[in-house]
Amino acid sequence: MHDNALTGGTLDLENVPCAIVPAQFVRSWKQWLSRPADVFRPEMVDNTSFMCEHGMLLFDPNTPGDLNTSITMIKRSDWDVLEDL
């Protein structure tokens, strides 16, 4: 997963298609990658907390103030790999 995920460094993500995932998932994924024998692999990405009851986003991904510590941006190519898994 992208090195800048969870660090707030989004400069490398400019002009790159991105996806937004829960920060807790990225933390769990990185823990599993570093210790796969000791940590359970996260089973799925749950983005339902990003949507209102009408199926609309609860935040504007183009407004930095709307992105908080519970949200992480990753490259779309990383999302595609996760989606295939």
C-alpha atoms as a PDB file:
ATOM      1  CA  MET A   1       0.000   0.000   0.000  1.00  0.00           C
ATOM      2  CA  HIS A   2       1.207   3.518  -0.679  1.00  0.00           C
ATOM      3  CA  ASP A   3       3.991   4.695   1.658  1.00  0.00           C
ATOM      4  CA  ASN A   4       2.278   8.024   2.327  1.00  0.00           C
ATOM      5  CA  ALA A   5      -0.942   6.458   3.542  1.00  0.00           C
ATOM      6  CA  LEU A   6      -1.571   7.635   7.105  1.00  0.00           C
ATOM      7  CA  THR A   7       1.306  10.125   7.085  1.00  0.00           C
ATOM      8  CA  GLY A   8      -0.576  13.005   5.521  1.00  0.00           C
ATOM      9  CA  GLY A   9       1.941  13.227   2.696  1.00  0.00           C
ATOM     10  CA  THR A  10      -0.282  13.560  -0.336  1.00  0.00           C
ATOM     11  CA  LEU A  11       2.194  15.316  -2.640  1.00  0.00           C
ATOM     12  CA  ASP A  12       2.957  12.021  -4.425  1.00  0.00           C
ATOM     13  CA  LEU A  13      -0.784  11.536  -4.953  1.00  0.00           C
ATOM     14  CA  GLU A  14      -1.329  14.728  -6.943  1.00  0.00           C
ATOM     15  CA  ASN A  15      -2.591  14.025 -10.465  1.00  0.00           C
ATOM     16  CA  VAL A  16      -2.900  10.322  -9.604  1.00  0.00           C
ATOM     17  CA  PRO A  17      -6.268   8.548  -9.422  1.00  0.00           C
ATOM     18  CA  CYS A  18      -6.975   7.798  -5.761  1.00  0.00           C
ATOM     19  CA  ALA A  19      -9.379   5.911  -3.547  1.00  0.00           C
ATOM     20  CA  ILE A  20     -10.356   6.721   0.017  1.00  0.00           C
ATOM     21  CA  VAL A  21     -10.360   3.980   2.642  1.00  0.00           C
ATOM     22  CA  PRO A  22     -10.718   3.870   6.421  1.00  0.00           C
ATOM     23  CA  ALA A  23      -7.412   4.632   8.130  1.00  0.00           C
ATOM     24  CA  GLN A  24      -7.948   1.712  10.522  1.00  0.00           C
ATOM     25  CA  PHE A  25      -7.966  -0.702   7.592  1.00  0.00           C
ATOM     26  CA  VAL A  26      -4.613   0.655   6.356  1.00  0.00           C
ATOM     27  CA  ARG A  27      -3.138   0.352   9.871  1.00  0.00           C
ATOM     28  CA  SER A  28      -4.352  -3.253  10.122  1.00  0.00           C
ATOM     29  CA  TRP A  29      -3.088  -4.092   6.627  1.00  0.00           C
ATOM     30  CA  LYS A  30       0.374  -2.694   7.363  1.00  0.00           C
ATOM     31  CA  GLN A  31       0.525  -4.657  10.645  1.00  0.00           C
ATOM     32  CA  TRP A  32      -0.400  -7.840   8.797  1.00  0.00           C
ATOM     33  CA  LEU A  33       2.238  -7.198   6.120  1.00  0.00           C
ATOM     34  CA  SER A  34       4.949  -6.746   8.736  1.00  0.00           C
ATOM     35  CA  ARG A  35       3.891  -9.755  10.877  1.00  0.00           C
ATOM     36  CA  PRO A  36       1.662 -12.119   8.848  1.00  0.00           C
ATOM     37  CA  ALA A  37       2.230 -15.035  11.217  1.00  0.00           C
ATOM     38  CA  ASP A  38       1.150 -13.034  14.283  1.00  0.00           C
ATOM     39  CA  VAL A  39      -1.604 -10.725  13.012  1.00  0.00           C
ATOM     40  CA  PHE A  40      -4.831 -11.660  11.245  1.00  0.00           C
ATOM     41  CA  ARG A  41      -5.192 -10.371   7.691  1.00  0.00           C
ATOM     42  CA  PRO A  42      -7.961  -7.750   7.407  1.00  0.00           C
ATOM     43  CA  GLU A  43     -10.841  -9.360   5.558  1.00  0.00           C
ATOM     44  CA  MET A  44     -12.496  -6.443   3.808  1.00  0.00           C
ATOM     45  CA  VAL A  45     -12.601  -2.701   3.350  1.00  0.00           C
ATOM     46  CA  ASP A  46     -15.788  -1.203   4.766  1.00  0.00           C
ATOM     47  CA  ASN A  47     -16.448   2.262   3.317  1.00  0.00           C
ATOM     48  CA  THR A  48     -20.077   2.429   4.470  1.00  0.00           C
ATOM     49  CA  SER A  49     -19.184   4.977   7.147  1.00  0.00           C
ATOM     50  CA  PHE A  50     -18.361   7.425   4.333  1.00  0.00           C
ATOM     51  CA  MET A  51     -21.931   7.425   2.990  1.00  0.00           C
ATOM     52  CA  CYS A  52     -25.147   8.986   4.214  1.00  0.00           C
ATOM     53  CA  GLU A  53     -28.499   7.189   4.133  1.00  0.00           C
ATOM     54  CA  HIS A  54     -29.046   8.475   0.577  1.00  0.00           C
ATOM     55  CA  GLY A  55     -25.816   6.927  -0.718  1.00  0.00           C
ATOM     56  CA  MET A  56     -23.963  10.255  -0.963  1.00  0.00           C
ATOM     57  CA  LEU A  57     -20.514  11.010   0.443  1.00  0.00           C
ATOM     58  CA  LEU A  58     -20.466  12.612   3.878  1.00  0.00           C
ATOM     59  CA  PHE A  59     -17.376  14.639   2.971  1.00  0.00           C
ATOM     60  CA  ASP A  60     -15.824  16.417   0.005  1.00  0.00           C
ATOM     61  CA  PRO A  61     -12.583  14.625  -0.960  1.00  0.00           C
ATOM     62  CA  ASN A  62     -11.379  17.814  -2.677  1.00  0.00           C
ATOM     63  CA  THR A  63     -11.569  19.811   0.568  1.00  0.00           C
ATOM     64  CA  PRO A  64      -8.568  19.103   2.829  1.00  0.00           C
ATOM     65  CA  GLY A  65     -10.570  20.169   5.887  1.00  0.00           C
ATOM     66  CA  ASP A  66     -13.026  17.329   5.269  1.00  0.00           C
ATOM     67  CA  LEU A  67     -10.293  14.690   5.351  1.00  0.00           C
ATOM     68  CA  ASN A  68      -9.650  13.650   8.933  1.00  0.00           C
ATOM     69  CA  THR A  69      -7.612  10.981  10.706  1.00  0.00           C
ATOM     70  CA  SER A  70     -10.223   8.298  10.045  1.00  0.00           C
ATOM     71  CA  ILE A  71      -9.758   8.641   6.266  1.00  0.00           C
ATOM     72  CA  THR A  72      -6.741   7.667   4.168  1.00  0.00           C
ATOM     73  CA  MET A  73      -6.069   8.214   0.467  1.00  0.00           C
ATOM     74  CA  ILE A  74      -4.397   5.434  -1.480  1.00  0.00           C
ATOM     75  CA  LYS A  75      -3.519   5.059  -5.155  1.00  0.00           C
ATOM     76  CA  ARG A  76      -6.314   3.707  -7.306  1.00  0.00           C
ATOM     77  CA  SER A  77      -3.969   0.910  -8.385  1.00  0.00           C
ATOM     78  CA  ASP A  78      -3.679  -0.168  -4.716  1.00  0.00           C
ATOM     79  CA  TRP A  79      -7.481  -0.078  -4.422  1.00  0.00           C
ATOM     80  CA  ASP A  80      -7.775  -2.265  -7.531  1.00  0.00           C
ATOM     81  CA  VAL A  81      -5.511  -4.883  -5.910  1.00  0.00           C
ATOM     82  CA  LEU A  82      -7.515  -4.798  -2.675  1.00  0.00           C
ATOM     83  CA  GLU A  83     -10.750  -5.089  -4.617  1.00  0.00           C
ATOM     84  CA  ASP A  84      -9.466  -8.190  -6.421  1.00  0.00           C
ATOM     85  CA  LEU A  85      -8.524  -9.798  -3.096  1.00  0.00           C
END
